Amino acid sequence: MKVYDAENRVLGRMASLIAKELLEGEEEIRVVNAEKAFITGKKNNIFDKYRENRERGKQMNGPYFPRRPERIFKRTVRGMLPYQQPRGRKAFKRFRAYIGVPDEFGDENILEPEVKSSRGKIGVTLSEVSKYLGAEF
């Protein structure tokens, strides 16, 4: 099992790395500090995009878009997998994202993913997006 830290990492780059590893047959992948992943771009554009996704459809019929940061992260990884096919579903079931660092991973070796960090770039964290969408965590 691999445990990655998402702090100061670009969401899309990290999600693509994880999706590729899952499809190649990695047993299990866990991501901690999912709320600290960055989305690059202008703040207003990012908020507008996520608000439109959230408000799309009807409340009774869907489609449903998550508010919580770990679920947004998971949904981003799902979008990079062929999740409607059996191999994509199996790969997606082997992935979990967490807010913060759970006690079960406190003593394990947490890996720094080999993706560029977002230090110095314009953007917002997943926790800011979630608070904008109305999530409480």
N, C-alpha and C. Protein backbone atom coordinates (compact mmCIF):
# COMPACT_ATOMS: atom_id res chain seq x y z
N MET A 1 0.85 -1.18 0.00
CA MET A 1 0.00 0.00 0.00
C MET A 1 0.89 1.24 0.00
N LYS A 2 0.53 2.21 -0.85
CA LYS A 2 1.25 3.48 -0.91
C LYS A 2 0.39 4.55 -0.26
N VAL A 3 1.03 5.42 0.50
CA VAL A 3 0.36 6.55 1.13
C VAL A 3 1.04 7.82 0.65
N TYR A 4 0.27 8.69 -0.02
CA TYR A 4 0.80 9.94 -0.55
C TYR A 4 0.28 11.11 0.27
N ASP A 5 1.10 12.16 0.35
CA ASP A 5 0.71 13.40 1.00
C ASP A 5 0.38 14.42 -0.09
N ALA A 6 -0.82 14.99 -0.05
CA ALA A 6 -1.27 15.91 -1.09
C ALA A 6 -0.98 17.37 -0.76
N GLU A 7 -0.33 17.63 0.34
CA GLU A 7 -0.08 19.01 0.75
C GLU A 7 0.80 19.73 -0.28
N ASN A 8 0.34 20.91 -0.72
CA ASN A 8 1.03 21.76 -1.70
C ASN A 8 1.29 21.05 -3.02
N ARG A 9 0.38 20.18 -3.43
CA ARG A 9 0.49 19.50 -4.71
C ARG A 9 -0.68 19.91 -5.59
N VAL A 10 -0.47 19.94 -6.90
CA VAL A 10 -1.51 20.31 -7.85
C VAL A 10 -2.47 19.13 -7.98
N LEU A 11 -3.75 19.39 -7.83
CA LEU A 11 -4.78 18.35 -7.81
C LEU A 11 -4.77 17.49 -9.07
N GLY A 12 -4.82 18.11 -10.22
CA GLY A 12 -4.91 17.35 -11.47
C GLY A 12 -3.68 16.51 -11.75
N ARG A 13 -2.52 17.04 -11.47
CA ARG A 13 -1.29 16.28 -11.71
C ARG A 13 -1.20 15.08 -10.79
N MET A 14 -1.59 15.28 -9.55
CA MET A 14 -1.53 14.17 -8.59
C MET A 14 -2.58 13.11 -8.93
N ALA A 15 -3.77 13.56 -9.32
CA ALA A 15 -4.84 12.62 -9.66
C ALA A 15 -4.47 11.77 -10.86
N SER A 16 -3.80 12.36 -11.85
CA SER A 16 -3.41 11.59 -13.03
C SER A 16 -2.34 10.56 -12.67
N LEU A 17 -1.41 10.92 -11.79
CA LEU A 17 -0.39 9.97 -11.33
C LEU A 17 -1.05 8.79 -10.61
N ILE A 18 -2.00 9.08 -9.74
CA ILE A 18 -2.68 8.03 -8.98
C ILE A 18 -3.49 7.14 -9.90
N ALA A 19 -4.22 7.73 -10.85
CA ALA A 19 -5.03 6.95 -11.78
C ALA A 19 -4.16 6.00 -12.59
N LYS A 20 -3.02 6.48 -13.03
CA LYS A 20 -2.12 5.65 -13.82
C LYS A 20 -1.60 4.48 -12.99
N GLU A 21 -1.21 4.73 -11.76
CA GLU A 21 -0.71 3.66 -10.90
C GLU A 21 -1.79 2.63 -10.60
N LEU A 22 -3.02 3.10 -10.38
CA LEU A 22 -4.12 2.17 -10.11
C LEU A 22 -4.39 1.27 -11.31
N LEU A 23 -4.35 1.83 -12.50
CA LEU A 23 -4.60 1.03 -13.70
C LEU A 23 -3.46 0.06 -13.99
N GLU A 24 -2.26 0.40 -13.55
CA GLU A 24 -1.13 -0.50 -13.74
C GLU A 24 -1.13 -1.64 -12.74
N GLY A 25 -2.05 -1.61 -11.75
CA GLY A 25 -2.18 -2.73 -10.83
C GLY A 25 -1.67 -2.51 -9.43
N GLU A 26 -1.40 -1.28 -9.05
CA GLU A 26 -0.97 -1.00 -7.67
C GLU A 26 -2.06 -1.48 -6.72
N GLU A 27 -1.67 -2.17 -5.65
CA GLU A 27 -2.65 -2.78 -4.75
C GLU A 27 -3.60 -1.77 -4.13
N GLU A 28 -3.08 -0.86 -3.35
CA GLU A 28 -3.92 0.15 -2.70
C GLU A 28 -3.16 1.46 -2.65
N ILE A 29 -3.89 2.55 -2.84
CA ILE A 29 -3.30 3.89 -2.73
C ILE A 29 -4.18 4.72 -1.80
N ARG A 30 -3.53 5.38 -0.87
CA ARG A 30 -4.21 6.27 0.06
C ARG A 30 -3.60 7.66 -0.07
N VAL A 31 -4.43 8.69 0.06
CA VAL A 31 -3.96 10.08 0.01
C VAL A 31 -4.38 10.76 1.30
N VAL A 32 -3.41 11.35 1.99
CA VAL A 32 -3.70 12.10 3.21
C VAL A 32 -3.56 13.58 2.91
N ASN A 33 -4.15 14.41 3.75
CA ASN A 33 -4.16 15.87 3.58
C ASN A 33 -4.76 16.27 2.25
N ALA A 34 -5.84 15.64 1.85
CA ALA A 34 -6.48 15.94 0.57
C ALA A 34 -6.99 17.38 0.53
N GLU A 35 -7.34 17.94 1.66
CA GLU A 35 -7.86 19.31 1.68
C GLU A 35 -6.80 20.35 1.38
N LYS A 36 -5.52 19.97 1.38
CA LYS A 36 -4.44 20.91 1.14
C LYS A 36 -3.92 20.87 -0.30
N ALA A 37 -4.56 20.07 -1.15
CA ALA A 37 -4.18 20.04 -2.57
C ALA A 37 -4.63 21.33 -3.23
N PHE A 38 -3.86 21.80 -4.21
CA PHE A 38 -4.14 23.06 -4.88
C PHE A 38 -4.81 22.84 -6.22
N ILE A 39 -5.65 23.79 -6.59
CA ILE A 39 -6.18 23.89 -7.94
C ILE A 39 -5.63 25.20 -8.47
N THR A 40 -4.89 25.14 -9.57
CA THR A 40 -4.27 26.35 -10.10
C THR A 40 -5.25 27.09 -10.99
N GLY A 41 -5.07 28.39 -11.04
CA GLY A 41 -5.93 29.24 -11.86
C GLY A 41 -6.39 30.44 -11.06
N LYS A 42 -7.25 31.23 -11.67
CA LYS A 42 -7.79 32.40 -10.98
C LYS A 42 -8.90 31.96 -10.03
N LYS A 43 -8.89 32.56 -8.87
CA LYS A 43 -9.81 32.16 -7.80
C LYS A 43 -11.27 32.23 -8.24
N ASN A 44 -11.67 33.32 -8.89
CA ASN A 44 -13.06 33.46 -9.31
C ASN A 44 -13.46 32.41 -10.34
N ASN A 45 -12.57 32.10 -11.27
CA ASN A 45 -12.86 31.09 -12.28
C ASN A 45 -13.05 29.71 -11.67
N ILE A 46 -12.20 29.38 -10.70
CA ILE A 46 -12.29 28.08 -10.04
C ILE A 46 -13.60 27.97 -9.27
N PHE A 47 -13.92 29.00 -8.50
CA PHE A 47 -15.16 28.98 -7.72
C PHE A 47 -16.38 28.89 -8.63
N ASP A 48 -16.38 29.64 -9.73
CA ASP A 48 -17.51 29.59 -10.66
C ASP A 48 -17.69 28.20 -11.26
N LYS A 49 -16.57 27.58 -11.65
CA LYS A 49 -16.63 26.24 -12.25
C LYS A 49 -17.22 25.23 -11.27
N TYR A 50 -16.75 25.23 -10.03
CA TYR A 50 -17.23 24.27 -9.06
C TYR A 50 -18.68 24.57 -8.64
N ARG A 51 -19.04 25.85 -8.58
CA ARG A 51 -20.43 26.19 -8.26
C ARG A 51 -21.37 25.70 -9.37
N GLU A 52 -20.97 25.89 -10.63
CA GLU A 52 -21.80 25.42 -11.75
C GLU A 52 -21.94 23.90 -11.73
N ASN A 53 -20.85 23.18 -11.45
CA ASN A 53 -20.94 21.73 -11.35
C ASN A 53 -21.89 21.31 -10.24
N ARG A 54 -21.81 22.01 -9.13
CA ARG A 54 -22.64 21.67 -7.96
C ARG A 54 -24.12 21.93 -8.25
N GLU A 55 -24.43 23.01 -8.97
CA GLU A 55 -25.82 23.40 -9.20
C GLU A 55 -26.42 22.75 -10.44
N ARG A 56 -25.65 22.02 -11.20
CA ARG A 56 -26.15 21.38 -12.42
C ARG A 56 -27.19 20.33 -12.07
N GLY A 57 -28.20 20.22 -12.90
CA GLY A 57 -29.23 19.20 -12.66
C GLY A 57 -30.23 19.63 -11.62
N LYS A 58 -31.00 18.67 -11.15
CA LYS A 58 -32.01 18.93 -10.13
C LYS A 58 -31.66 18.18 -8.86
N GLN A 59 -32.15 18.66 -7.75
CA GLN A 59 -31.81 18.07 -6.47
C GLN A 59 -32.27 16.62 -6.38
N MET A 60 -33.40 16.30 -6.95
CA MET A 60 -33.93 14.94 -6.86
C MET A 60 -33.27 13.98 -7.86
N ASN A 61 -32.85 14.48 -9.03
CA ASN A 61 -32.41 13.61 -10.10
C ASN A 61 -30.89 13.54 -10.26
N GLY A 62 -30.17 14.53 -9.82
CA GLY A 62 -28.74 14.54 -10.02
C GLY A 62 -28.39 15.22 -11.33
N PRO A 63 -27.17 15.24 -11.80
CA PRO A 63 -26.01 14.58 -11.22
C PRO A 63 -25.57 15.26 -9.92
N TYR A 64 -24.97 14.47 -9.07
CA TYR A 64 -24.56 14.97 -7.77
C TYR A 64 -23.06 15.24 -7.78
N PHE A 65 -22.67 16.38 -7.24
CA PHE A 65 -21.27 16.75 -7.17
C PHE A 65 -20.91 16.98 -5.71
N PRO A 66 -19.79 16.44 -5.24
CA PRO A 66 -19.45 16.52 -3.82
C PRO A 66 -19.04 17.92 -3.37
N ARG A 67 -19.18 18.13 -2.06
CA ARG A 67 -18.74 19.37 -1.42
C ARG A 67 -17.45 19.18 -0.64
N ARG A 68 -17.32 18.04 0.00
CA ARG A 68 -16.18 17.80 0.89
C ARG A 68 -14.89 17.60 0.10
N PRO A 69 -13.75 18.07 0.63
CA PRO A 69 -12.50 18.05 -0.14
C PRO A 69 -12.03 16.64 -0.51
N GLU A 70 -12.13 15.67 0.40
CA GLU A 70 -11.66 14.33 0.06
C GLU A 70 -12.53 13.69 -1.01
N ARG A 71 -13.80 14.04 -1.04
CA ARG A 71 -14.70 13.50 -2.07
C ARG A 71 -14.48 14.19 -3.42
N ILE A 72 -14.13 15.49 -3.40
CA ILE A 72 -13.79 16.17 -4.65
C ILE A 72 -12.52 15.54 -5.23
N PHE A 73 -11.55 15.26 -4.36
CA PHE A 73 -10.32 14.61 -4.80
C PHE A 73 -10.62 13.24 -5.41
N LYS A 74 -11.46 12.49 -4.74
CA LYS A 74 -11.81 11.16 -5.23
C LYS A 74 -12.55 11.24 -6.56
N ARG A 75 -13.42 12.21 -6.70
CA ARG A 75 -14.16 12.40 -7.95
C ARG A 75 -13.21 12.78 -9.09
N THR A 76 -12.17 13.55 -8.79
CA THR A 76 -11.19 13.93 -9.80
C THR A 76 -10.43 12.70 -10.29
N VAL A 77 -10.04 11.82 -9.37
CA VAL A 77 -9.36 10.58 -9.76
C VAL A 77 -10.31 9.70 -10.57
N ARG A 78 -11.56 9.63 -10.16
CA ARG A 78 -12.54 8.81 -10.88
C ARG A 78 -12.69 9.28 -12.33
N GLY A 79 -12.61 10.59 -12.55
CA GLY A 79 -12.73 11.12 -13.90
C GLY A 79 -11.58 10.71 -14.80
N MET A 80 -10.49 10.27 -14.22
CA MET A 80 -9.33 9.85 -15.01
C MET A 80 -9.24 8.34 -15.16
N LEU A 81 -10.23 7.64 -14.65
CA LEU A 81 -10.30 6.18 -14.76
C LEU A 81 -11.48 5.78 -15.64
N PRO A 82 -11.39 4.63 -16.31
CA PRO A 82 -12.55 4.12 -17.04
C PRO A 82 -13.49 3.42 -16.05
N TYR A 83 -14.10 4.19 -15.15
CA TYR A 83 -14.82 3.62 -14.01
C TYR A 83 -16.11 2.91 -14.39
N GLN A 84 -16.55 3.01 -15.63
CA GLN A 84 -17.75 2.28 -16.04
C GLN A 84 -17.41 0.91 -16.61
N GLN A 85 -16.13 0.59 -16.65
CA GLN A 85 -15.69 -0.73 -17.09
C GLN A 85 -15.18 -1.49 -15.87
N PRO A 86 -15.19 -2.81 -15.91
CA PRO A 86 -14.78 -3.58 -14.72
C PRO A 86 -13.39 -3.26 -14.19
N ARG A 87 -12.40 -3.08 -15.07
CA ARG A 87 -11.05 -2.81 -14.56
C ARG A 87 -10.96 -1.44 -13.91
N GLY A 88 -11.73 -0.47 -14.42
CA GLY A 88 -11.75 0.85 -13.81
C GLY A 88 -12.45 0.85 -12.46
N ARG A 89 -13.53 0.10 -12.34
CA ARG A 89 -14.23 -0.01 -11.05
C ARG A 89 -13.35 -0.67 -10.01
N LYS A 90 -12.63 -1.74 -10.41
CA LYS A 90 -11.74 -2.42 -9.47
C LYS A 90 -10.61 -1.50 -9.03
N ALA A 91 -10.09 -0.73 -9.97
CA ALA A 91 -9.01 0.21 -9.64
C ALA A 91 -9.53 1.29 -8.69
N PHE A 92 -10.71 1.81 -8.94
CA PHE A 92 -11.27 2.89 -8.13
C PHE A 92 -11.55 2.43 -6.70
N LYS A 93 -11.92 1.17 -6.52
CA LYS A 93 -12.19 0.64 -5.19
C LYS A 93 -10.93 0.54 -4.34
N ARG A 94 -9.77 0.55 -4.97
CA ARG A 94 -8.51 0.44 -4.24
C ARG A 94 -7.95 1.81 -3.83
N PHE A 95 -8.73 2.87 -4.01
CA PHE A 95 -8.27 4.22 -3.72
C PHE A 95 -9.09 4.85 -2.60
N ARG A 96 -8.41 5.55 -1.69
CA ARG A 96 -9.08 6.28 -0.62
C ARG A 96 -8.36 7.62 -0.42
N ALA A 97 -9.12 8.65 -0.07
CA ALA A 97 -8.56 9.96 0.25
C ALA A 97 -9.07 10.37 1.64
N TYR A 98 -8.22 11.05 2.39
CA TYR A 98 -8.55 11.43 3.77
C TYR A 98 -8.27 12.90 4.00
N ILE A 99 -9.03 13.49 4.92
CA ILE A 99 -8.74 14.83 5.42
C ILE A 99 -7.76 14.66 6.57
N GLY A 100 -6.67 15.38 6.52
CA GLY A 100 -5.66 15.24 7.55
C GLY A 100 -4.93 13.91 7.44
N VAL A 101 -4.26 13.52 8.54
CA VAL A 101 -3.55 12.25 8.58
C VAL A 101 -4.20 11.38 9.64
N PRO A 102 -4.90 10.31 9.25
CA PRO A 102 -5.52 9.43 10.24
C PRO A 102 -4.47 8.75 11.12
N ASP A 103 -4.89 8.30 12.29
CA ASP A 103 -3.98 7.65 13.24
C ASP A 103 -3.35 6.39 12.65
N GLU A 104 -4.08 5.69 11.80
CA GLU A 104 -3.56 4.44 11.24
C GLU A 104 -2.35 4.67 10.33
N PHE A 105 -2.16 5.89 9.83
CA PHE A 105 -1.01 6.19 8.97
C PHE A 105 0.05 7.01 9.68
N GLY A 106 -0.14 7.27 10.96
CA GLY A 106 0.79 8.14 11.68
C GLY A 106 2.21 7.61 11.71
N ASP A 107 2.39 6.29 11.82
CA ASP A 107 3.73 5.73 11.92
C ASP A 107 4.25 5.21 10.58
N GLU A 108 3.41 5.18 9.56
CA GLU A 108 3.84 4.67 8.27
C GLU A 108 4.67 5.70 7.52
N ASN A 109 5.35 5.22 6.50
CA ASN A 109 6.16 6.09 5.67
C ASN A 109 5.27 6.76 4.63
N ILE A 110 5.03 8.06 4.76
CA ILE A 110 4.19 8.79 3.82
C ILE A 110 5.08 9.32 2.71
N LEU A 111 4.73 9.01 1.47
CA LEU A 111 5.54 9.36 0.31
C LEU A 111 5.20 10.75 -0.20
N GLU A 112 6.20 11.42 -0.73
CA GLU A 112 5.99 12.67 -1.45
C GLU A 112 5.86 12.31 -2.92
N PRO A 113 4.73 12.60 -3.56
CA PRO A 113 4.57 12.21 -4.97
C PRO A 113 5.51 12.98 -5.88
N GLU A 114 5.86 12.35 -6.98
CA GLU A 114 6.80 12.95 -7.92
C GLU A 114 6.07 13.86 -8.90
N VAL A 115 5.32 14.82 -8.37
CA VAL A 115 4.64 15.82 -9.19
C VAL A 115 5.07 17.19 -8.70
N LYS A 116 4.93 18.17 -9.56
CA LYS A 116 5.35 19.52 -9.18
C LYS A 116 4.46 20.06 -8.07
N SER A 117 5.06 20.78 -7.16
CA SER A 117 4.28 21.43 -6.12
C SER A 117 3.74 22.74 -6.67
N SER A 118 2.81 23.33 -5.96
CA SER A 118 2.18 24.55 -6.46
C SER A 118 2.68 25.79 -5.74
N ARG A 119 3.79 25.69 -5.06
CA ARG A 119 4.30 26.85 -4.34
C ARG A 119 4.61 27.98 -5.32
N GLY A 120 4.09 29.14 -5.01
CA GLY A 120 4.35 30.30 -5.85
C GLY A 120 3.37 30.48 -6.98
N LYS A 121 2.41 29.56 -7.13
CA LYS A 121 1.44 29.69 -8.20
C LYS A 121 0.14 30.24 -7.66
N ILE A 122 -0.65 30.83 -8.54
CA ILE A 122 -1.95 31.34 -8.14
C ILE A 122 -2.93 30.19 -8.13
N GLY A 123 -3.73 30.11 -7.09
CA GLY A 123 -4.71 29.05 -7.02
C GLY A 123 -5.37 29.01 -5.65
N VAL A 124 -6.19 28.00 -5.45
CA VAL A 124 -6.89 27.83 -4.18
C VAL A 124 -6.77 26.38 -3.75
N THR A 125 -6.90 26.15 -2.45
CA THR A 125 -6.87 24.79 -1.94
C THR A 125 -8.26 24.18 -2.01
N LEU A 126 -8.32 22.87 -1.91
CA LEU A 126 -9.61 22.19 -1.91
C LEU A 126 -10.45 22.57 -0.69
N SER A 127 -9.81 22.90 0.42
CA SER A 127 -10.58 23.30 1.60
C SER A 127 -11.29 24.63 1.35
N GLU A 128 -10.65 25.56 0.63
CA GLU A 128 -11.30 26.83 0.30
C GLU A 128 -12.49 26.61 -0.64
N VAL A 129 -12.32 25.73 -1.61
CA VAL A 129 -13.42 25.42 -2.54
C VAL A 129 -14.58 24.79 -1.77
N SER A 130 -14.27 23.87 -0.87
CA SER A 130 -15.31 23.19 -0.09
C SER A 130 -16.07 24.16 0.79
N LYS A 131 -15.36 25.07 1.42
CA LYS A 131 -16.05 26.07 2.27
C LYS A 131 -16.93 26.96 1.41
N TYR A 132 -16.47 27.28 0.21
CA TYR A 132 -17.27 28.09 -0.70
C TYR A 132 -18.55 27.35 -1.11
N LEU A 133 -18.45 26.04 -1.29
CA LEU A 133 -19.63 25.23 -1.66
C LEU A 133 -20.54 24.95 -0.47
N GLY A 134 -20.08 25.24 0.74
CA GLY A 134 -20.93 25.09 1.91
C GLY A 134 -20.63 23.85 2.75
N ALA A 135 -19.50 23.23 2.56
CA ALA A 135 -19.16 22.03 3.34
C ALA A 135 -18.67 22.42 4.71
N GLU A 136 -18.93 21.55 5.67
CA GLU A 136 -18.42 21.71 7.03
C GLU A 136 -17.60 20.49 7.36
N PHE A 137 -16.35 20.72 7.74
CA PHE A 137 -15.49 19.58 8.09
C PHE A 137 -14.51 19.98 9.16
